[in-house]
PDB file of all heavy atoms in Angstrom:
ATOM      1  N   GLY A   1     -72.994 -13.604 -63.370  1.00  0.00           N
ATOM      2  CA  GLY A   1     -73.360 -13.152 -64.709  1.00  0.00           C
ATOM      3  C   GLY A   1     -74.815 -12.759 -64.803  1.00  0.00           C
ATOM      4  O   GLY A   1     -75.170 -11.771 -65.473  1.00  0.00           O
ATOM      5  N   PHE A   2     -75.694 -13.516 -64.139  1.00  0.00           N
ATOM      6  CA  PHE A   2     -77.114 -13.164 -64.116  1.00  0.00           C
ATOM      7  C   PHE A   2     -77.326 -11.801 -63.448  1.00  0.00           C
ATOM      8  O   PHE A   2     -78.120 -10.974 -63.914  1.00  0.00           O
ATOM      9  CB  PHE A   2     -77.915 -14.227 -63.365  1.00  0.00           C
ATOM     10  CG  PHE A   2     -78.198 -15.455 -64.175  1.00  0.00           C
ATOM     11  CD1 PHE A   2     -78.144 -16.710 -63.593  1.00  0.00           C
ATOM     12  CD2 PHE A   2     -78.516 -15.373 -65.512  1.00  0.00           C
ATOM     13  CE1 PHE A   2     -78.409 -17.852 -64.333  1.00  0.00           C
ATOM     14  CE2 PHE A   2     -78.788 -16.500 -66.269  1.00  0.00           C
ATOM     15  CZ  PHE A   2     -78.728 -17.743 -65.674  1.00  0.00           C
ATOM     16  N   VAL A   3     -76.614 -11.581 -62.343  1.00  0.00           N
ATOM     17  CA  VAL A   3     -76.749 -10.307 -61.623  1.00  0.00           C
ATOM     18  C   VAL A   3     -76.306  -9.146 -62.512  1.00  0.00           C
ATOM     19  O   VAL A   3     -77.013  -8.135 -62.654  1.00  0.00           O
ATOM     20  CB  VAL A   3     -75.925 -10.326 -60.323  1.00  0.00           C
ATOM     21  CG1 VAL A   3     -75.932  -8.940 -59.662  1.00  0.00           C
ATOM     22  CG2 VAL A   3     -76.479 -11.367 -59.354  1.00  0.00           C
ATOM     23  N   ALA A   4     -75.126  -9.287 -63.128  1.00  0.00           N
ATOM     24  CA  ALA A   4     -74.599  -8.214 -63.977  1.00  0.00           C
ATOM     25  C   ALA A   4     -75.463  -8.021 -65.219  1.00  0.00           C
ATOM     26  O   ALA A   4     -75.707  -6.892 -65.649  1.00  0.00           O
ATOM     27  CB  ALA A   4     -73.159  -8.533 -64.374  1.00  0.00           C
ATOM     28  N   GLY A   5     -75.942  -9.139 -65.814  1.00  0.00           N
ATOM     29  CA  GLY A   5     -76.775  -9.040 -67.007  1.00  0.00           C
ATOM     30  C   GLY A   5     -78.129  -8.421 -66.734  1.00  0.00           C
ATOM     31  O   GLY A   5     -78.688  -7.722 -67.580  1.00  0.00           O
ATOM     32  N   ALA A   6     -78.676  -8.679 -65.543  1.00  0.00           N
ATOM     33  CA  ALA A   6     -79.974  -8.111 -65.183  1.00  0.00           C
ATOM     34  C   ALA A   6     -79.859  -6.648 -64.794  1.00  0.00           C
ATOM     35  O   ALA A   6     -80.798  -5.868 -64.983  1.00  0.00           O
ATOM     36  CB  ALA A   6     -80.591  -8.906 -64.030  1.00  0.00           C
ATOM     37  N   ALA A   7     -78.712  -6.255 -64.261  1.00  0.00           N
ATOM     38  CA  ALA A   7     -78.548  -4.886 -63.777  1.00  0.00           C
ATOM     39  C   ALA A   7     -78.065  -3.925 -64.855  1.00  0.00           C
ATOM     40  O   ALA A   7     -78.384  -2.730 -64.804  1.00  0.00           O
ATOM     41  CB  ALA A   7     -77.570  -4.869 -62.599  1.00  0.00           C
ATOM     42  N   PHE A   8     -77.288  -4.444 -65.839  1.00  0.00           N
ATOM     43  CA  PHE A   8     -76.679  -3.553 -66.824  1.00  0.00           C
ATOM     44  C   PHE A   8     -76.873  -4.110 -68.230  1.00  0.00           C
ATOM     45  O   PHE A   8     -77.379  -5.225 -68.407  1.00  0.00           O
ATOM     46  CB  PHE A   8     -75.164  -3.402 -66.548  1.00  0.00           C
ATOM     47  CG  PHE A   8     -74.832  -3.020 -65.137  1.00  0.00           C
ATOM     48  CD1 PHE A   8     -74.394  -3.973 -64.228  1.00  0.00           C
ATOM     49  CD2 PHE A   8     -74.956  -1.708 -64.712  1.00  0.00           C
ATOM     50  CE1 PHE A   8     -74.082  -3.634 -62.927  1.00  0.00           C
ATOM     51  CE2 PHE A   8     -74.649  -1.349 -63.411  1.00  0.00           C
ATOM     52  CZ  PHE A   8     -74.209  -2.302 -62.515  1.00  0.00           C
ATOM     53  N   ASP A   9     -76.429  -3.335 -69.225  1.00  0.00           N
ATOM     54  CA  ASP A   9     -76.391  -3.861 -70.584  1.00  0.00           C
ATOM     55  C   ASP A   9     -75.165  -4.756 -70.722  1.00  0.00           C
ATOM     56  O   ASP A   9     -74.378  -4.924 -69.784  1.00  0.00           O
ATOM     57  CB  ASP A   9     -76.372  -2.720 -71.611  1.00  0.00           C
ATOM     58  CG  ASP A   9     -75.190  -1.765 -71.412  1.00  0.00           C
ATOM     59  OD1 ASP A   9     -74.167  -2.189 -70.844  1.00  0.00           O
ATOM     60  OD2 ASP A   9     -75.288  -0.605 -71.820  1.00  0.00           O
ATOM     61  N   ALA A  10     -74.967  -5.333 -71.912  1.00  0.00           N
ATOM     62  CA  ALA A  10     -73.917  -6.339 -72.090  1.00  0.00           C
ATOM     63  C   ALA A  10     -72.518  -5.765 -71.840  1.00  0.00           C
ATOM     64  O   ALA A  10     -71.696  -6.389 -71.156  1.00  0.00           O
ATOM     65  CB  ALA A  10     -73.998  -6.934 -73.501  1.00  0.00           C
ATOM     66  N   GLN A  11     -72.240  -4.569 -72.368  1.00  0.00           N
ATOM     67  CA  GLN A  11     -70.907  -3.989 -72.222  1.00  0.00           C
ATOM     68  C   GLN A  11     -70.594  -3.640 -70.772  1.00  0.00           C
ATOM     69  O   GLN A  11     -69.535  -4.003 -70.248  1.00  0.00           O
ATOM     70  CB  GLN A  11     -70.778  -2.748 -73.111  1.00  0.00           C
ATOM     71  CG  GLN A  11     -70.783  -3.065 -74.605  1.00  0.00           C
ATOM     72  CD  GLN A  11     -70.642  -1.814 -75.456  1.00  0.00           C
ATOM     73  OE1 GLN A  11     -70.974  -0.722 -75.010  1.00  0.00           O
ATOM     74  NE2 GLN A  11     -70.180  -1.974 -76.676  1.00  0.00           N
ATOM     75  N   MET A  12     -71.502  -2.939 -70.120  1.00  0.00           N
ATOM     76  CA  MET A  12     -71.281  -2.566 -68.727  1.00  0.00           C
ATOM     77  C   MET A  12     -71.277  -3.799 -67.833  1.00  0.00           C
ATOM     78  O   MET A  12     -70.505  -3.887 -66.873  1.00  0.00           O
ATOM     79  CB  MET A  12     -72.351  -1.574 -68.270  1.00  0.00           C
ATOM     80  CG  MET A  12     -72.193  -1.112 -66.820  1.00  0.00           C
ATOM     81  SD  MET A  12     -70.598  -0.342 -66.488  1.00  0.00           S
ATOM     82  CE  MET A  12     -70.781   1.189 -67.399  1.00  0.00           C
ATOM     83  N   GLY A  13     -72.128  -4.775 -68.137  1.00  0.00           N
ATOM     84  CA  GLY A  13     -72.169  -6.003 -67.351  1.00  0.00           C
ATOM     85  C   GLY A  13     -70.858  -6.764 -67.424  1.00  0.00           C
ATOM     86  O   GLY A  13     -70.358  -7.286 -66.413  1.00  0.00           O
ATOM     87  N   LEU A  14     -70.282  -6.832 -68.617  1.00  0.00           N
ATOM     88  CA  LEU A  14     -68.997  -7.515 -68.782  1.00  0.00           C
ATOM     89  C   LEU A  14     -67.897  -6.799 -68.005  1.00  0.00           C
ATOM     90  O   LEU A  14     -67.051  -7.433 -67.356  1.00  0.00           O
ATOM     91  CB  LEU A  14     -68.646  -7.567 -70.271  1.00  0.00           C
ATOM     92  CG  LEU A  14     -67.438  -8.425 -70.675  1.00  0.00           C
ATOM     93  CD1 LEU A  14     -67.651  -9.870 -70.245  1.00  0.00           C
ATOM     94  CD2 LEU A  14     -67.206  -8.340 -72.165  1.00  0.00           C
ATOM     95  N   PHE A  15     -67.919  -5.482 -68.041  1.00  0.00           N
ATOM     96  CA  PHE A  15     -66.936  -4.703 -67.282  1.00  0.00           C
ATOM     97  C   PHE A  15     -67.083  -4.958 -65.783  1.00  0.00           C
ATOM     98  O   PHE A  15     -66.079  -5.107 -65.061  1.00  0.00           O
ATOM     99  CB  PHE A  15     -67.116  -3.218 -67.583  1.00  0.00           C
ATOM    100  CG  PHE A  15     -66.271  -2.316 -66.743  1.00  0.00           C
ATOM    101  CD1 PHE A  15     -64.919  -2.159 -67.002  1.00  0.00           C
ATOM    102  CD2 PHE A  15     -66.827  -1.628 -65.670  1.00  0.00           C
ATOM    103  CE1 PHE A  15     -64.141  -1.330 -66.210  1.00  0.00           C
ATOM    104  CE2 PHE A  15     -66.057  -0.799 -64.873  1.00  0.00           C
ATOM    105  CZ  PHE A  15     -64.709  -0.648 -65.145  1.00  0.00           C
ATOM    106  N   MET A  16     -68.325  -5.016 -65.292  1.00  0.00           N
ATOM    107  CA  MET A  16     -68.555  -5.229 -63.868  1.00  0.00           C
ATOM    108  C   MET A  16     -68.105  -6.615 -63.431  1.00  0.00           C
ATOM    109  O   MET A  16     -67.555  -6.788 -62.343  1.00  0.00           O
ATOM    110  CB  MET A  16     -70.039  -5.026 -63.545  1.00  0.00           C
ATOM    111  CG  MET A  16     -70.521  -3.585 -63.702  1.00  0.00           C
ATOM    112  SD  MET A  16     -69.581  -2.411 -62.695  1.00  0.00           S
ATOM    113  CE  MET A  16     -69.912  -3.042 -61.049  1.00  0.00           C
ATOM    114  N   VAL A  17     -68.328  -7.622 -64.282  1.00  0.00           N
ATOM    115  CA  VAL A  17     -67.899  -8.986 -63.950  1.00  0.00           C
ATOM    116  C   VAL A  17     -66.385  -9.045 -63.769  1.00  0.00           C
ATOM    117  O   VAL A  17     -65.868  -9.610 -62.794  1.00  0.00           O
ATOM    118  CB  VAL A  17     -68.352  -9.969 -65.047  1.00  0.00           C
ATOM    119  CG1 VAL A  17     -67.619 -11.300 -64.917  1.00  0.00           C
ATOM    120  CG2 VAL A  17     -69.854 -10.200 -64.959  1.00  0.00           C
ATOM    121  N   ILE A  18     -65.659  -8.459 -64.718  1.00  0.00           N
ATOM    122  CA  ILE A  18     -64.190  -8.466 -64.629  1.00  0.00           C
ATOM    123  C   ILE A  18     -63.723  -7.655 -63.424  1.00  0.00           C
ATOM    124  O   ILE A  18     -62.780  -8.045 -62.723  1.00  0.00           O
ATOM    125  CB  ILE A  18     -63.588  -7.916 -65.930  1.00  0.00           C
ATOM    126  CG1 ILE A  18     -63.941  -8.836 -67.100  1.00  0.00           C
ATOM    127  CG2 ILE A  18     -62.080  -7.779 -65.815  1.00  0.00           C
ATOM    128  CD1 ILE A  18     -63.527  -8.318 -68.447  1.00  0.00           C
ATOM    129  N   SER A  19     -64.389  -6.536 -63.169  1.00  0.00           N
ATOM    130  CA  SER A  19     -64.007  -5.689 -62.030  1.00  0.00           C
ATOM    131  C   SER A  19     -64.206  -6.415 -60.705  1.00  0.00           C
ATOM    132  O   SER A  19     -63.445  -6.206 -59.755  1.00  0.00           O
ATOM    133  CB  SER A  19     -64.833  -4.398 -62.042  1.00  0.00           C
ATOM    134  OG  SER A  19     -64.611  -3.665 -63.221  1.00  0.00           O
ATOM    135  N   VAL A  20     -65.202  -7.257 -60.625  1.00  0.00           N
ATOM    136  CA  VAL A  20     -65.442  -8.023 -59.395  1.00  0.00           C
ATOM    137  C   VAL A  20     -64.484  -9.206 -59.301  1.00  0.00           C
ATOM    138  O   VAL A  20     -63.978  -9.530 -58.215  1.00  0.00           O
ATOM    139  CB  VAL A  20     -66.903  -8.519 -59.351  1.00  0.00           C
ATOM    140  CG1 VAL A  20     -67.109  -9.507 -58.212  1.00  0.00           C
ATOM    141  CG2 VAL A  20     -67.865  -7.342 -59.205  1.00  0.00           C
ATOM    142  N   ALA A  21     -64.205  -9.853 -60.438  1.00  0.00           N
ATOM    143  CA  ALA A  21     -63.410 -11.084 -60.423  1.00  0.00           C
ATOM    144  C   ALA A  21     -61.949 -10.835 -60.081  1.00  0.00           C
ATOM    145  O   ALA A  21     -61.335 -11.629 -59.351  1.00  0.00           O
ATOM    146  CB  ALA A  21     -63.529 -11.784 -61.781  1.00  0.00           C
ATOM    147  N   VAL A  22     -61.368  -9.746 -60.592  1.00  0.00           N
ATOM    148  CA  VAL A  22     -59.931  -9.517 -60.390  1.00  0.00           C
ATOM    149  C   VAL A  22     -59.564  -9.410 -58.912  1.00  0.00           C
ATOM    150  O   VAL A  22     -58.606 -10.057 -58.452  1.00  0.00           O
ATOM    151  CB  VAL A  22     -59.481  -8.265 -61.177  1.00  0.00           C
ATOM    152  CG1 VAL A  22     -58.058  -7.863 -60.778  1.00  0.00           C
ATOM    153  CG2 VAL A  22     -59.543  -8.538 -62.675  1.00  0.00           C
ATOM    154  N   PRO A  23     -60.261  -8.616 -58.086  1.00  0.00           N
ATOM    155  CA  PRO A  23     -59.917  -8.608 -56.650  1.00  0.00           C
ATOM    156  C   PRO A  23     -60.085  -9.975 -55.988  1.00  0.00           C
ATOM    157  O   PRO A  23     -59.320 -10.317 -55.066  1.00  0.00           O
ATOM    158  CB  PRO A  23     -60.909  -7.586 -56.056  1.00  0.00           C
ATOM    159  CG  PRO A  23     -61.298  -6.718 -57.196  1.00  0.00           C
ATOM    160  CD  PRO A  23     -61.317  -7.624 -58.388  1.00  0.00           C
ATOM    161  N   LEU A  24     -61.071 -10.742 -56.458  1.00  0.00           N
ATOM    162  CA  LEU A  24     -61.248 -12.071 -55.888  1.00  0.00           C
ATOM    163  C   LEU A  24     -60.042 -12.959 -56.185  1.00  0.00           C
ATOM    164  O   LEU A  24     -59.634 -13.776 -55.347  1.00  0.00           O
ATOM    165  CB  LEU A  24     -62.521 -12.711 -56.445  1.00  0.00           C
ATOM    166  CG  LEU A  24     -63.843 -11.999 -56.136  1.00  0.00           C
ATOM    167  CD1 LEU A  24     -65.009 -12.749 -56.765  1.00  0.00           C
ATOM    168  CD2 LEU A  24     -64.056 -11.876 -54.635  1.00  0.00           C
ATOM    169  N   PHE A  25     -59.459 -12.810 -57.383  1.00  0.00           N
ATOM    170  CA  PHE A  25     -58.245 -13.563 -57.716  1.00  0.00           C
ATOM    171  C   PHE A  25     -57.095 -13.197 -56.777  1.00  0.00           C
ATOM    172  O   PHE A  25     -56.381 -14.068 -56.271  1.00  0.00           O
ATOM    173  CB  PHE A  25     -57.788 -13.265 -59.153  1.00  0.00           C
ATOM    174  CG  PHE A  25     -58.771 -13.656 -60.212  1.00  0.00           C
ATOM    175  CD1 PHE A  25     -58.743 -13.059 -61.455  1.00  0.00           C
ATOM    176  CD2 PHE A  25     -59.722 -14.638 -59.978  1.00  0.00           C
ATOM    177  CE1 PHE A  25     -59.645 -13.415 -62.446  1.00  0.00           C
ATOM    178  CE2 PHE A  25     -60.631 -15.000 -60.952  1.00  0.00           C
ATOM    179  CZ  PHE A  25     -60.594 -14.388 -62.191  1.00  0.00           C
ATOM    180  N   LEU A  26     -56.923 -11.890 -56.568  1.00  0.00           N
ATOM    181  CA  LEU A  26     -55.763 -11.402 -55.821  1.00  0.00           C
ATOM    182  C   LEU A  26     -55.747 -11.890 -54.383  1.00  0.00           C
ATOM    183  O   LEU A  26     -54.672 -12.096 -53.802  1.00  0.00           O
ATOM    184  CB  LEU A  26     -55.734  -9.867 -55.845  1.00  0.00           C
ATOM    185  CG  LEU A  26     -55.538  -9.217 -57.217  1.00  0.00           C
ATOM    186  CD1 LEU A  26     -55.604  -7.706 -57.101  1.00  0.00           C
ATOM    187  CD2 LEU A  26     -54.200  -9.643 -57.822  1.00  0.00           C
ATOM    188  N   PHE A  27     -56.931 -12.066 -53.798  1.00  0.00           N
ATOM    189  CA  PHE A  27     -56.998 -12.459 -52.387  1.00  0.00           C
ATOM    190  C   PHE A  27     -57.365 -13.932 -52.226  1.00  0.00           C
ATOM    191  O   PHE A  27     -57.982 -14.320 -51.247  1.00  0.00           O
ATOM    192  CB  PHE A  27     -58.010 -11.572 -51.652  1.00  0.00           C
ATOM    193  CG  PHE A  27     -57.571 -10.148 -51.550  1.00  0.00           C
ATOM    194  CD1 PHE A  27     -57.984  -9.211 -52.489  1.00  0.00           C
ATOM    195  CD2 PHE A  27     -56.730  -9.737 -50.529  1.00  0.00           C
ATOM    196  CE1 PHE A  27     -57.584  -7.893 -52.404  1.00  0.00           C
ATOM    197  CE2 PHE A  27     -56.318  -8.419 -50.436  1.00  0.00           C
ATOM    198  CZ  PHE A  27     -56.738  -7.485 -51.381  1.00  0.00           C
ATOM    199  N   SER A  28     -56.941 -14.740 -53.173  1.00  0.00           N
ATOM    200  CA  SER A  28     -57.245 -16.180 -53.122  1.00  0.00           C
ATOM    201  C   SER A  28     -56.215 -16.968 -52.325  1.00  0.00           C
ATOM    202  O   SER A  28     -56.472 -18.108 -51.932  1.00  0.00           O
ATOM    203  CB  SER A  28     -57.316 -16.733 -54.541  1.00  0.00           C
ATOM    204  OG  SER A  28     -56.049 -16.596 -55.184  1.00  0.00           O
ATOM    205  N   GLY A  29     -55.018 -16.381 -52.109  1.00  0.00           N
ATOM    206  CA  GLY A  29     -53.941 -17.104 -51.441  1.00  0.00           C
ATOM    207  C   GLY A  29     -52.940 -17.677 -52.413  1.00  0.00           C
ATOM    208  O   GLY A  29     -51.951 -18.293 -51.997  1.00  0.00           O
ATOM    209  N   PHE A  30     -53.161 -17.468 -53.716  1.00  0.00           N
ATOM    210  CA  PHE A  30     -52.236 -17.985 -54.720  1.00  0.00           C
ATOM    211  C   PHE A  30     -51.129 -16.971 -55.017  1.00  0.00           C
ATOM    212  O   PHE A  30     -49.950 -17.318 -55.026  1.00  0.00           O
ATOM    213  CB  PHE A  30     -52.997 -18.319 -56.006  1.00  0.00           C
ATOM    214  CG  PHE A  30     -52.115 -18.824 -57.121  1.00  0.00           C
ATOM    215  CD1 PHE A  30     -51.611 -20.113 -57.099  1.00  0.00           C
ATOM    216  CD2 PHE A  30     -51.782 -17.996 -58.194  1.00  0.00           C
ATOM    217  CE1 PHE A  30     -50.789 -20.571 -58.130  1.00  0.00           C
ATOM    218  CE2 PHE A  30     -50.976 -18.442 -59.225  1.00  0.00           C
ATOM    219  CZ  PHE A  30     -50.479 -19.735 -59.187  1.00  0.00           C
ATOM    220  N   TYR A  31     -51.506 -15.718 -55.263  1.00  0.00           N
ATOM    221  CA  TYR A  31     -50.504 -14.699 -55.562  1.00  0.00           C
ATOM    222  C   TYR A  31     -49.748 -14.278 -54.305  1.00  0.00           C
ATOM    223  O   TYR A  31     -48.543 -14.063 -54.336  1.00  0.00           O
ATOM    224  CB  TYR A  31     -51.189 -13.478 -56.189  1.00  0.00           C
ATOM    225  CG  TYR A  31     -51.735 -13.743 -57.563  1.00  0.00           C
ATOM    226  CD1 TYR A  31     -53.098 -13.903 -57.776  1.00  0.00           C
ATOM    227  CD2 TYR A  31     -50.889 -13.855 -58.665  1.00  0.00           C
ATOM    228  CE1 TYR A  31     -53.608 -14.153 -59.039  1.00  0.00           C
ATOM    229  CE2 TYR A  31     -51.386 -14.109 -59.928  1.00  0.00           C
ATOM    230  CZ  TYR A  31     -52.743 -14.257 -60.107  1.00  0.00           C
ATOM    231  OH  TYR A  31     -53.245 -14.514 -61.355  1.00  0.00           O
ATOM    232  N   VAL A  32     -50.477 -14.121 -53.213  1.00  0.00           N
ATOM    233  CA  VAL A  32     -49.882 -13.763 -51.915  1.00  0.00           C
ATOM    234  C   VAL A  32     -50.408 -14.750 -50.884  1.00  0.00           C
ATOM    235  O   VAL A  32     -51.620 -14.983 -50.808  1.00  0.00           O
ATOM    236  CB  VAL A  32     -50.265 -12.325 -51.502  1.00  0.00           C
ATOM    237  CG1 VAL A  32     -49.667 -11.991 -50.136  1.00  0.00           C
ATOM    238  CG2 VAL A  32     -49.796 -11.325 -52.557  1.00  0.00           C
ATOM    239  N   ARG A  33     -49.507 -15.359 -50.119  1.00  0.00           N
ATOM    240  CA  ARG A  33     -49.955 -16.296 -49.088  1.00  0.00           C
ATOM    241  C   ARG A  33     -50.879 -15.599 -48.111  1.00  0.00           C
ATOM    242  O   ARG A  33     -50.724 -14.409 -47.825  1.00  0.00           O
ATOM    243  CB  ARG A  33     -48.760 -16.902 -48.349  1.00  0.00           C
ATOM    244  CG  ARG A  33     -47.881 -17.782 -49.204  1.00  0.00           C
ATOM    245  CD  ARG A  33     -46.885 -18.562 -48.358  1.00  0.00           C
ATOM    246  NE  ARG A  33     -46.125 -17.699 -47.458  1.00  0.00           N
ATOM    247  CZ  ARG A  33     -45.304 -18.147 -46.510  1.00  0.00           C
ATOM    248  NH1 ARG A  33     -45.159 -19.453 -46.338  1.00  0.00           N
ATOM    249  NH2 ARG A  33     -44.650 -17.296 -45.751  1.00  0.00           N
ATOM    250  N   LEU A  34     -51.841 -16.358 -47.580  1.00  0.00           N
ATOM    251  CA  LEU A  34     -52.873 -15.774 -46.718  1.00  0.00           C
ATOM    252  C   LEU A  34     -52.273 -15.071 -45.511  1.00  0.00           C
ATOM    253  O   LEU A  34     -52.764 -14.012 -45.085  1.00  0.00           O
ATOM    254  CB  LEU A  34     -53.852 -16.863 -46.266  1.00  0.00           C
ATOM    255  CG  LEU A  34     -54.657 -17.538 -47.389  1.00  0.00           C
ATOM    256  CD1 LEU A  34     -55.534 -18.648 -46.826  1.00  0.00           C
ATOM    257  CD2 LEU A  34     -55.514 -16.515 -48.130  1.00  0.00           C
ATOM    258  N   ASN A  35     -51.186 -15.616 -44.943  1.00  0.00           N
ATOM    259  CA  ASN A  35     -50.563 -14.995 -43.762  1.00  0.00           C
ATOM    260  C   ASN A  35     -49.794 -13.727 -44.104  1.00  0.00           C
ATOM    261  O   ASN A  35     -49.451 -12.940 -43.210  1.00  0.00           O
ATOM    262  CB  ASN A  35     -49.612 -15.986 -43.085  1.00  0.00           C
ATOM    263  CG  ASN A  35     -50.381 -17.042 -42.297  1.00  0.00           C
ATOM    264  OD1 ASN A  35     -51.601 -17.003 -42.238  1.00  0.00           O
ATOM    265  ND2 ASN A  35     -49.656 -17.982 -41.708  1.00  0.00           N
ATOM    266  N   ASP A  36     -49.489 -13.528 -45.408  1.00  0.00           N
ATOM    267  CA  ASP A  36     -48.717 -12.354 -45.814  1.00  0.00           C
ATOM    268  C   ASP A  36     -49.593 -11.183 -46.241  1.00  0.00           C
ATOM    269  O   ASP A  36     -49.076 -10.113 -46.564  1.00  0.00           O
ATOM    270  CB  ASP A  36     -47.777 -12.723 -46.974  1.00  0.00           C
ATOM    271  CG  ASP A  36     -46.732 -13.745 -46.550  1.00  0.00           C
ATOM    272  OD1 ASP A  36     -46.423 -13.792 -45.345  1.00  0.00           O
ATOM    273  OD2 ASP A  36     -46.227 -14.480 -47.423  1.00  0.00           O
TER     274      ASP A  36
END
């Protein structure tokens, strides 16, 4: 949040946070097993 807030305004920063977080969720091993 500090990185996004320092680099962008509030709206763009919020968009960037969500854009970064979603791929991290997908490759956590919960939705798809790590071996798959």
